[in-house]
Amino acid sequence: MSHQIPSLAEMAAQVLSTSDGREKTRRSLEFSSQWFSQRTQGIIPELGQAKPPMQPARPDKPELLLPREVPKRRPGTPQGRIAILHAVAHIELNAVDLHWDIIARFRDVTMPIGFYDDWVKAASEESKHFNLMSDCLEELGSFYGAMPAHAGMWRAAEDTSDDLLARLAVVPMVLEARGLDVTPNIIEAFKRSKESKAVQALEVIYSEEVSHVAYGSKWFNFLCGRNNLDPKDIFHKLVRKYFKGALRPPFNEEKRADAGIPPDFYWPLTDDIEKPAFL
């Protein structure tokens, strides 16, 4: 009897229901491989339906704190650099769940097959990123779960669980775009400390995150166009509604532009900070 491949939504729900980070990413990579092995043959696999959990399964560790309660991470010490790698690993694991969640949670919105291709690919890359960070931690005598982390990224998913446009605006176009702003300085700190394995891993993450932000921008603009909405106005409205606090410069304007997000999308959301003359 042939083995029945689950639908894409069922795959997503299985990843979201797996608590251990290494096992979650193993399943994520296996499912993305199954998806693309069919897509490269010109097959459109079954999308299906599945109810994703409101919160993904999580290991007992790390302990999850409020963002303001997480100790400051300083790259000038070995322990500080371990803390930074741990924080990146945590972000990447959240991103695996966020990308599978967008696939399953919004199946009621009719989207082109390319939407699913993009988020399966993003989930696959985030899985690889988590494993790269976990490998770096283990080489330095630590592991994912050894330090506290915060639950802020998933809170954004909960807040936007019934609005695909809001999810695209807040998760890839704000939270993931922030990674483009801060990662170059993190890479420089690890270069100064001659931690070449971490530098290589972080450079892979940095180069691939641009496309994940771009997927958000692409499908946000697609939905706005389909619904005759002004993308910039809607972006401002949704971010002000769902994102807690102002956006904070400095911004990586070059990489944000590569991802399809122009400056007049994010500078007006910095509130009282002095804005460039073009606004």
C-alpha atoms as a PDB file:
ATOM      1  CA  MET A   1       0.000   0.000   0.000  1.00  0.00           C
ATOM      2  CA  SER A   2       1.479   3.402  -0.997  1.00  0.00           C
ATOM      3  CA  HIS A   3       2.244   5.941   1.702  1.00  0.00           C
ATOM      4  CA  GLN A   4      -0.202   8.840   1.574  1.00  0.00           C
ATOM      5  CA  ILE A   5       1.591  12.217   1.596  1.00  0.00           C
ATOM      6  CA  PRO A   6      -0.303  14.621   3.881  1.00  0.00           C
ATOM      7  CA  SER A   7      -1.751  17.806   2.427  1.00  0.00           C
ATOM      8  CA  LEU A   8       0.265  20.996   2.809  1.00  0.00           C
ATOM      9  CA  ALA A   9      -1.997  22.314   5.574  1.00  0.00           C
ATOM     10  CA  GLU A  10      -1.638  18.997   7.438  1.00  0.00           C
ATOM     11  CA  MET A  11       2.144  19.229   7.076  1.00  0.00           C
ATOM     12  CA  ALA A  12       2.009  22.719   8.557  1.00  0.00           C
ATOM     13  CA  ALA A  13      -0.089  21.562  11.523  1.00  0.00           C
ATOM     14  CA  GLN A  14       2.347  18.686  12.185  1.00  0.00           C
ATOM     15  CA  VAL A  15       5.334  21.072  12.289  1.00  0.00           C
ATOM     16  CA  LEU A  16       3.450  23.446  14.585  1.00  0.00           C
ATOM     17  CA  SER A  17       2.540  20.561  16.901  1.00  0.00           C
ATOM     18  CA  THR A  18       6.167  19.363  17.272  1.00  0.00           C
ATOM     19  CA  SER A  19       7.858  20.763  20.386  1.00  0.00           C
ATOM     20  CA  ASP A  20      11.552  19.815  20.090  1.00  0.00           C
ATOM     21  CA  GLY A  21      13.492  22.296  17.939  1.00  0.00           C
ATOM     22  CA  ARG A  22      15.652  19.754  16.105  1.00  0.00           C
ATOM     23  CA  GLU A  23      12.659  17.495  15.424  1.00  0.00           C
ATOM     24  CA  LYS A  24      10.475  20.443  14.371  1.00  0.00           C
ATOM     25  CA  THR A  25      13.071  21.541  11.829  1.00  0.00           C
ATOM     26  CA  ARG A  26      13.658  17.951  10.641  1.00  0.00           C
ATOM     27  CA  ARG A  27       9.959  17.644   9.836  1.00  0.00           C
ATOM     28  CA  SER A  28       9.912  21.092   8.259  1.00  0.00           C
ATOM     29  CA  LEU A  29      12.807  20.210   5.955  1.00  0.00           C
ATOM     30  CA  GLU A  30      11.282  16.822   5.087  1.00  0.00           C
ATOM     31  CA  PHE A  31       7.908  18.356   4.216  1.00  0.00           C
ATOM     32  CA  SER A  32       9.432  21.169   2.159  1.00  0.00           C
ATOM     33  CA  SER A  33      11.472  18.576   0.250  1.00  0.00           C
ATOM     34  CA  GLN A  34       8.287  16.586  -0.465  1.00  0.00           C
ATOM     35  CA  TRP A  35       6.514  19.751  -1.626  1.00  0.00           C
ATOM     36  CA  PHE A  36       9.246  20.844  -4.017  1.00  0.00           C
ATOM     37  CA  SER A  37       9.875  17.347  -5.370  1.00  0.00           C
ATOM     38  CA  GLN A  38       6.279  17.499  -6.643  1.00  0.00           C
ATOM     39  CA  ARG A  39       6.443  21.136  -7.738  1.00  0.00           C
ATOM     40  CA  THR A  40       9.560  20.526  -9.868  1.00  0.00           C
ATOM     41  CA  GLN A  41       7.565  17.856 -11.729  1.00  0.00           C
ATOM     42  CA  GLY A  42       4.869  20.429 -12.490  1.00  0.00           C
ATOM     43  CA  ILE A  43       2.482  18.906  -9.940  1.00  0.00           C
ATOM     44  CA  ILE A  44       0.322  21.115  -7.725  1.00  0.00           C
ATOM     45  CA  PRO A  45       0.126  19.127  -4.465  1.00  0.00           C
ATOM     46  CA  GLU A  46      -3.000  19.041  -2.350  1.00  0.00           C
ATOM     47  CA  LEU A  47      -3.282  22.160  -0.208  1.00  0.00           C
ATOM     48  CA  GLY A  48      -5.934  20.683   2.086  1.00  0.00           C
ATOM     49  CA  GLN A  49      -7.258  22.086   5.340  1.00  0.00           C
ATOM     50  CA  ALA A  50      -5.997  21.740   8.901  1.00  0.00           C
ATOM     51  CA  LYS A  51      -6.590  23.713  12.061  1.00  0.00           C
ATOM     52  CA  PRO A  52      -3.254  25.018  13.320  1.00  0.00           C
ATOM     53  CA  PRO A  53      -2.814  25.383  17.095  1.00  0.00           C
ATOM     54  CA  MET A  54      -3.145  28.930  18.407  1.00  0.00           C
ATOM     55  CA  GLN A  55       0.266  28.445  20.006  1.00  0.00           C
ATOM     56  CA  PRO A  56       2.889  26.109  18.531  1.00  0.00           C
ATOM     57  CA  ALA A  57       4.282  23.299  20.645  1.00  0.00           C
ATOM     58  CA  ARG A  58       7.410  24.391  22.499  1.00  0.00           C
ATOM     59  CA  PRO A  59      10.121  22.599  24.491  1.00  0.00           C
ATOM     60  CA  ASP A  60      10.239  23.097  28.285  1.00  0.00           C
ATOM     61  CA  LYS A  61      13.311  25.277  27.793  1.00  0.00           C
ATOM     62  CA  PRO A  62      14.008  28.095  27.078  1.00  0.00           C
ATOM     63  CA  GLU A  63      12.020  29.846  29.741  1.00  0.00           C
ATOM     64  CA  LEU A  64       9.951  32.528  27.990  1.00  0.00           C
ATOM     65  CA  LEU A  65      10.031  36.012  29.532  1.00  0.00           C
ATOM     66  CA  LEU A  66       8.592  39.383  28.600  1.00  0.00           C
ATOM     67  CA  PRO A  67      10.975  41.156  26.185  1.00  0.00           C
ATOM     68  CA  ARG A  68      11.984  43.738  28.813  1.00  0.00           C
ATOM     69  CA  GLU A  69      12.889  40.957  31.286  1.00  0.00           C
ATOM     70  CA  VAL A  70      15.441  39.256  29.002  1.00  0.00           C
ATOM     71  CA  PRO A  71      19.008  40.104  30.131  1.00  0.00           C
ATOM     72  CA  LYS A  72      21.002  42.405  27.833  1.00  0.00           C
ATOM     73  CA  ARG A  73      23.290  40.585  25.415  1.00  0.00           C
ATOM     74  CA  ARG A  74      26.753  42.127  25.017  1.00  0.00           C
ATOM     75  CA  PRO A  75      28.985  40.869  22.188  1.00  0.00           C
ATOM     76  CA  GLY A  76      32.244  41.843  23.928  1.00  0.00           C
ATOM     77  CA  THR A  77      32.361  38.661  26.058  1.00  0.00           C
ATOM     78  CA  PRO A  78      32.194  34.947  25.139  1.00  0.00           C
ATOM     79  CA  GLN A  79      29.041  34.535  27.244  1.00  0.00           C
ATOM     80  CA  GLY A  80      27.501  37.585  25.592  1.00  0.00           C
ATOM     81  CA  ARG A  81      28.157  36.145  22.136  1.00  0.00           C
ATOM     82  CA  ILE A  82      26.595  32.829  23.185  1.00  0.00           C
ATOM     83  CA  ALA A  83      23.549  34.812  24.352  1.00  0.00           C
ATOM     84  CA  ILE A  84      23.310  36.520  20.946  1.00  0.00           C
ATOM     85  CA  LEU A  85      23.500  33.185  19.090  1.00  0.00           C
ATOM     86  CA  HIS A  86      20.841  31.795  21.430  1.00  0.00           C
ATOM     87  CA  ALA A  87      18.578  34.761  20.694  1.00  0.00           C
ATOM     88  CA  VAL A  88      19.030  34.282  16.934  1.00  0.00           C
ATOM     89  CA  ALA A  89      18.281  30.545  17.262  1.00  0.00           C
ATOM     90  CA  HIS A  90      15.068  31.426  19.113  1.00  0.00           C
ATOM     91  CA  ILE A  91      14.039  33.911  16.412  1.00  0.00           C
ATOM     92  CA  GLU A  92      14.701  31.353  13.678  1.00  0.00           C
ATOM     93  CA  LEU A  93      12.643  28.665  15.418  1.00  0.00           C
ATOM     94  CA  ASN A  94       9.772  31.134  15.792  1.00  0.00           C
ATOM     95  CA  ALA A  95      10.117  31.954  12.104  1.00  0.00           C
ATOM     96  CA  VAL A  96       9.748  28.261  11.168  1.00  0.00           C
ATOM     97  CA  ASP A  97       6.416  28.238  12.997  1.00  0.00           C
ATOM     98  CA  LEU A  98       5.337  31.606  11.611  1.00  0.00           C
ATOM     99  CA  HIS A  99       5.873  30.504   8.000  1.00  0.00           C
ATOM    100  CA  TRP A 100       4.051  27.204   8.401  1.00  0.00           C
ATOM    101  CA  ASP A 101       1.295  28.980  10.331  1.00  0.00           C
ATOM    102  CA  ILE A 102       0.614  31.467   7.521  1.00  0.00           C
ATOM    103  CA  ILE A 103       0.161  28.486   5.179  1.00  0.00           C
ATOM    104  CA  ALA A 104      -2.421  26.676   7.322  1.00  0.00           C
ATOM    105  CA  ARG A 105      -4.178  29.560   9.082  1.00  0.00           C
ATOM    106  CA  PHE A 106      -5.215  31.517   5.997  1.00  0.00           C
ATOM    107  CA  ARG A 107      -6.368  28.700   3.722  1.00  0.00           C
ATOM    108  CA  ASP A 108      -9.751  30.451   3.500  1.00  0.00           C
ATOM    109  CA  VAL A 109      -8.074  33.226   1.464  1.00  0.00           C
ATOM    110  CA  THR A 110      -7.676  32.164  -2.173  1.00  0.00           C
ATOM    111  CA  MET A 111      -4.023  32.665  -3.115  1.00  0.00           C
ATOM    112  CA  PRO A 112      -1.898  31.662  -6.139  1.00  0.00           C
ATOM    113  CA  ILE A 113       0.272  28.561  -5.808  1.00  0.00           C
ATOM    114  CA  GLY A 114       3.353  30.814  -5.710  1.00  0.00           C
ATOM    115  CA  PHE A 115       2.250  32.043  -2.268  1.00  0.00           C
ATOM    116  CA  TYR A 116       2.669  28.520  -0.909  1.00  0.00           C
ATOM    117  CA  ASP A 117       5.930  27.964  -2.789  1.00  0.00           C
ATOM    118  CA  ASP A 118       7.378  31.086  -1.166  1.00  0.00           C
ATOM    119  CA  TRP A 119       6.416  30.271   2.415  1.00  0.00           C
ATOM    120  CA  VAL A 120       7.445  26.607   2.182  1.00  0.00           C
ATOM    121  CA  LYS A 121      10.838  27.774   0.891  1.00  0.00           C
ATOM    122  CA  ALA A 122      11.092  30.361   3.679  1.00  0.00           C
ATOM    123  CA  ALA A 123      10.199  27.739   6.310  1.00  0.00           C
ATOM    124  CA  SER A 124      12.846  25.420   4.896  1.00  0.00           C
ATOM    125  CA  GLU A 125      15.508  28.126   5.079  1.00  0.00           C
ATOM    126  CA  GLU A 126      14.532  29.148   8.624  1.00  0.00           C
ATOM    127  CA  SER A 127      14.849  25.478   9.616  1.00  0.00           C
ATOM    128  CA  LYS A 128      18.378  25.436   8.236  1.00  0.00           C
ATOM    129  CA  HIS A 129      19.126  28.703  10.090  1.00  0.00           C
ATOM    130  CA  PHE A 130      17.965  27.270  13.426  1.00  0.00           C
ATOM    131  CA  ASN A 131      20.201  24.248  12.942  1.00  0.00           C
ATOM    132  CA  LEU A 132      23.182  26.446  12.019  1.00  0.00           C
ATOM    133  CA  MET A 133      22.716  28.470  15.209  1.00  0.00           C
ATOM    134  CA  SER A 134      22.209  25.335  17.309  1.00  0.00           C
ATOM    135  CA  ASP A 135      25.425  23.857  15.885  1.00  0.00           C
ATOM    136  CA  CYS A 136      27.318  27.056  16.777  1.00  0.00           C
ATOM    137  CA  LEU A 137      25.909  27.009  20.316  1.00  0.00           C
ATOM    138  CA  GLU A 138      26.870  23.362  20.825  1.00  0.00           C
ATOM    139  CA  GLU A 139      30.385  23.998  19.520  1.00  0.00           C
ATOM    140  CA  LEU A 140      30.708  26.715  22.193  1.00  0.00           C
ATOM    141  CA  GLY A 141      29.526  24.363  24.959  1.00  0.00           C
ATOM    142  CA  SER A 142      25.922  25.589  25.106  1.00  0.00           C
ATOM    143  CA  PHE A 143      22.620  24.593  23.485  1.00  0.00           C
ATOM    144  CA  TYR A 144      19.252  26.027  22.500  1.00  0.00           C
ATOM    145  CA  GLY A 145      17.200  26.270  25.693  1.00  0.00           C
ATOM    146  CA  ALA A 146      20.148  27.063  27.969  1.00  0.00           C
ATOM    147  CA  MET A 147      19.082  30.711  28.377  1.00  0.00           C
ATOM    148  CA  PRO A 148      15.783  32.552  28.697  1.00  0.00           C
ATOM    149  CA  ALA A 149      14.128  34.015  25.597  1.00  0.00           C
ATOM    150  CA  HIS A 150      11.070  36.122  24.897  1.00  0.00           C
ATOM    151  CA  ALA A 151       7.714  35.333  23.307  1.00  0.00           C
ATOM    152  CA  GLY A 152       7.222  38.608  21.438  1.00  0.00           C
ATOM    153  CA  MET A 153       7.287  37.229  17.895  1.00  0.00           C
ATOM    154  CA  TRP A 154       4.508  34.753  18.478  1.00  0.00           C
ATOM    155  CA  ARG A 155       2.378  37.424  20.138  1.00  0.00           C
ATOM    156  CA  ALA A 156       2.370  39.220  16.780  1.00  0.00           C
ATOM    157  CA  ALA A 157       1.065  36.022  15.180  1.00  0.00           C
ATOM    158  CA  GLU A 158      -1.754  35.771  17.707  1.00  0.00           C
ATOM    159  CA  ASP A 159      -2.694  39.424  17.216  1.00  0.00           C
ATOM    160  CA  THR A 160      -2.950  38.947  13.433  1.00  0.00           C
ATOM    161  CA  SER A 161      -4.473  35.455  13.407  1.00  0.00           C
ATOM    162  CA  ASP A 162      -7.622  36.577  11.560  1.00  0.00           C
ATOM    163  CA  ASP A 163      -6.125  39.076   9.072  1.00  0.00           C
ATOM    164  CA  LEU A 164      -3.684  37.947   6.380  1.00  0.00           C
ATOM    165  CA  LEU A 165      -2.809  41.498   5.330  1.00  0.00           C
ATOM    166  CA  ALA A 166      -1.976  42.382   8.938  1.00  0.00           C
ATOM    167  CA  ARG A 167       0.123  39.222   9.322  1.00  0.00           C
ATOM    168  CA  LEU A 168       2.143  40.085   6.210  1.00  0.00           C
ATOM    169  CA  ALA A 169       2.609  43.685   7.347  1.00  0.00           C
ATOM    170  CA  VAL A 170       3.708  42.934  10.900  1.00  0.00           C
ATOM    171  CA  VAL A 171       5.695  39.691  10.659  1.00  0.00           C
ATOM    172  CA  PRO A 172       7.826  39.776   7.490  1.00  0.00           C
ATOM    173  CA  MET A 173       7.624  43.513   6.743  1.00  0.00           C
ATOM    174  CA  VAL A 174       8.305  44.762  10.299  1.00  0.00           C
ATOM    175  CA  LEU A 175       9.754  42.022  12.521  1.00  0.00           C
ATOM    176  CA  GLU A 176      11.832  40.231   9.894  1.00  0.00           C
ATOM    177  CA  ALA A 177      12.853  43.501   8.259  1.00  0.00           C
ATOM    178  CA  ARG A 178      14.293  44.471  11.646  1.00  0.00           C
ATOM    179  CA  GLY A 179      16.685  41.551  11.273  1.00  0.00           C
ATOM    180  CA  LEU A 180      18.073  43.195   8.129  1.00  0.00           C
ATOM    181  CA  ASP A 181      18.814  46.307  10.213  1.00  0.00           C
ATOM    182  CA  VAL A 182      20.641  44.642  13.109  1.00  0.00           C
ATOM    183  CA  THR A 183      22.410  41.624  11.606  1.00  0.00           C
ATOM    184  CA  PRO A 184      25.343  43.477   9.949  1.00  0.00           C
ATOM    185  CA  ASN A 185      26.517  44.813  13.346  1.00  0.00           C
ATOM    186  CA  ILE A 186      26.182  41.345  14.887  1.00  0.00           C
ATOM    187  CA  ILE A 187      28.310  39.883  12.079  1.00  0.00           C
ATOM    188  CA  GLU A 188      30.968  42.551  12.649  1.00  0.00           C
ATOM    189  CA  ALA A 189      31.082  41.745  16.376  1.00  0.00           C
ATOM    190  CA  PHE A 190      31.699  38.052  15.643  1.00  0.00           C
ATOM    191  CA  LYS A 191      34.347  38.930  13.054  1.00  0.00           C
ATOM    192  CA  ARG A 192      36.195  40.969  15.687  1.00  0.00           C
ATOM    193  CA  SER A 193      36.166  37.965  18.024  1.00  0.00           C
ATOM    194  CA  LYS A 194      37.416  35.666  15.201  1.00  0.00           C
ATOM    195  CA  GLU A 195      34.436  33.300  15.529  1.00  0.00           C
ATOM    196  CA  SER A 196      34.491  32.205  11.891  1.00  0.00           C
ATOM    197  CA  LYS A 197      31.841  29.470  12.108  1.00  0.00           C
ATOM    198  CA  ALA A 198      29.311  31.887  13.622  1.00  0.00           C
ATOM    199  CA  VAL A 199      30.226  34.539  11.034  1.00  0.00           C
ATOM    200  CA  GLN A 200      29.605  32.089   8.171  1.00  0.00           C
ATOM    201  CA  ALA A 201      26.267  31.015   9.646  1.00  0.00           C
ATOM    202  CA  LEU A 202      25.115  34.587  10.268  1.00  0.00           C
ATOM    203  CA  GLU A 203      26.098  35.607   6.739  1.00  0.00           C
ATOM    204  CA  VAL A 204      23.952  32.779   5.323  1.00  0.00           C
ATOM    205  CA  ILE A 205      21.028  33.936   7.464  1.00  0.00           C
ATOM    206  CA  TYR A 206      21.504  37.582   6.452  1.00  0.00           C
ATOM    207  CA  SER A 207      21.607  36.801   2.730  1.00  0.00           C
ATOM    208  CA  GLU A 208      18.489  34.598   2.826  1.00  0.00           C
ATOM    209  CA  GLU A 209      16.370  36.797   5.100  1.00  0.00           C
ATOM    210  CA  VAL A 210      16.064  39.440   2.368  1.00  0.00           C
ATOM    211  CA  SER A 211      13.899  37.075   0.312  1.00  0.00           C
ATOM    212  CA  HIS A 212      11.646  36.320   3.298  1.00  0.00           C
ATOM    213  CA  VAL A 213      10.954  40.024   3.798  1.00  0.00           C
ATOM    214  CA  ALA A 214      10.430  40.277   0.023  1.00  0.00           C
ATOM    215  CA  TYR A 215       7.816  37.503   0.124  1.00  0.00           C
ATOM    216  CA  GLY A 216       5.908  39.517   2.695  1.00  0.00           C
ATOM    217  CA  SER A 217       6.085  42.678   0.594  1.00  0.00           C
ATOM    218  CA  LYS A 218       5.166  40.838  -2.607  1.00  0.00           C
ATOM    219  CA  TRP A 219       2.033  39.195  -1.247  1.00  0.00           C
ATOM    220  CA  PHE A 220       1.022  42.276   0.745  1.00  0.00           C
ATOM    221  CA  ASN A 221       1.106  44.310  -2.468  1.00  0.00           C
ATOM    222  CA  PHE A 222      -0.679  41.520  -4.352  1.00  0.00           C
ATOM    223  CA  LEU A 223      -3.581  41.533  -1.877  1.00  0.00           C
ATOM    224  CA  CYS A 224      -3.758  45.327  -1.844  1.00  0.00           C
ATOM    225  CA  GLY A 225      -3.908  45.345  -5.644  1.00  0.00           C
ATOM    226  CA  ARG A 226      -6.598  42.678  -5.714  1.00  0.00           C
ATOM    227  CA  ASN A 227      -8.696  44.676  -3.262  1.00  0.00           C
ATOM    228  CA  ASN A 228      -7.987  48.147  -4.723  1.00  0.00           C
ATOM    229  CA  LEU A 229      -6.220  49.316  -1.554  1.00  0.00           C
ATOM    230  CA  ASP A 230      -3.334  51.778  -1.331  1.00  0.00           C
ATOM    231  CA  PRO A 231      -0.429  49.642  -0.008  1.00  0.00           C
ATOM    232  CA  LYS A 232       1.369  52.435   1.851  1.00  0.00           C
ATOM    233  CA  ASP A 233      -1.756  53.728   3.617  1.00  0.00           C
ATOM    234  CA  ILE A 234      -2.884  50.224   4.564  1.00  0.00           C
ATOM    235  CA  PHE A 235       0.608  49.306   5.792  1.00  0.00           C
ATOM    236  CA  HIS A 236       0.703  52.378   8.067  1.00  0.00           C
ATOM    237  CA  LYS A 237      -2.794  51.671   9.370  1.00  0.00           C
ATOM    238  CA  LEU A 238      -2.122  47.979  10.109  1.00  0.00           C
ATOM    239  CA  VAL A 239       1.295  48.498  11.713  1.00  0.00           C
ATOM    240  CA  ARG A 240      -0.084  51.256  13.960  1.00  0.00           C
ATOM    241  CA  LYS A 241      -2.927  48.939  14.961  1.00  0.00           C
ATOM    242  CA  TYR A 242      -1.004  45.707  15.541  1.00  0.00           C
ATOM    243  CA  PHE A 243       2.636  46.584  16.245  1.00  0.00           C
ATOM    244  CA  LYS A 244       3.468  47.711  19.769  1.00  0.00           C
ATOM    245  CA  GLY A 245       5.501  50.925  19.703  1.00  0.00           C
ATOM    246  CA  ALA A 246       7.254  52.959  17.009  1.00  0.00           C
ATOM    247  CA  LEU A 247       9.738  51.599  14.489  1.00  0.00           C
ATOM    248  CA  ARG A 248      13.305  52.479  15.451  1.00  0.00           C
ATOM    249  CA  PRO A 249      16.081  53.585  13.111  1.00  0.00           C
ATOM    250  CA  PRO A 250      18.746  53.076  11.934  1.00  0.00           C
ATOM    251  CA  PHE A 251      17.247  51.217   8.987  1.00  0.00           C
ATOM    252  CA  ASN A 252      19.110  49.127   6.425  1.00  0.00           C
ATOM    253  CA  GLU A 253      17.594  51.074   3.557  1.00  0.00           C
ATOM    254  CA  GLU A 254      19.516  49.188   0.847  1.00  0.00           C
ATOM    255  CA  LYS A 255      18.382  45.711   1.942  1.00  0.00           C
ATOM    256  CA  ARG A 256      14.845  46.941   2.678  1.00  0.00           C
ATOM    257  CA  ALA A 257      14.710  48.309  -0.875  1.00  0.00           C
ATOM    258  CA  ASP A 258      15.974  44.947  -2.193  1.00  0.00           C
ATOM    259  CA  ALA A 259      13.022  43.386  -0.344  1.00  0.00           C
ATOM    260  CA  GLY A 260      10.550  45.811  -1.930  1.00  0.00           C
ATOM    261  CA  ILE A 261       9.950  48.097   1.049  1.00  0.00           C
ATOM    262  CA  PRO A 262      10.560  51.784   0.217  1.00  0.00           C
ATOM    263  CA  PRO A 263      11.515  54.355   2.904  1.00  0.00           C
ATOM    264  CA  ASP A 264       8.113  56.085   2.866  1.00  0.00           C
ATOM    265  CA  PHE A 265       6.613  52.861   4.233  1.00  0.00           C
ATOM    266  CA  TYR A 266       8.643  52.781   7.464  1.00  0.00           C
ATOM    267  CA  TRP A 267       9.971  56.276   8.246  1.00  0.00           C
ATOM    268  CA  PRO A 268       6.493  57.704   9.008  1.00  0.00           C
ATOM    269  CA  LEU A 269       6.096  54.978  11.670  1.00  0.00           C
ATOM    270  CA  THR A 270       9.043  56.265  13.739  1.00  0.00           C
ATOM    271  CA  ASP A 271       6.729  58.795  15.464  1.00  0.00           C
ATOM    272  CA  ASP A 272       8.655  61.691  17.008  1.00  0.00           C
ATOM    273  CA  ILE A 273      12.101  60.774  15.701  1.00  0.00           C
ATOM    274  CA  GLU A 274      13.387  63.328  13.183  1.00  0.00           C
ATOM    275  CA  LYS A 275      12.378  62.218   9.702  1.00  0.00           C
ATOM    276  CA  PRO A 276      14.172  62.652   6.362  1.00  0.00           C
ATOM    277  CA  ALA A 277      13.324  65.660   4.212  1.00  0.00           C
ATOM    278  CA  PHE A 278      11.462  63.618   1.546  1.00  0.00           C
ATOM    279  CA  LEU A 279       8.585  63.158   3.969  1.00  0.00           C
END
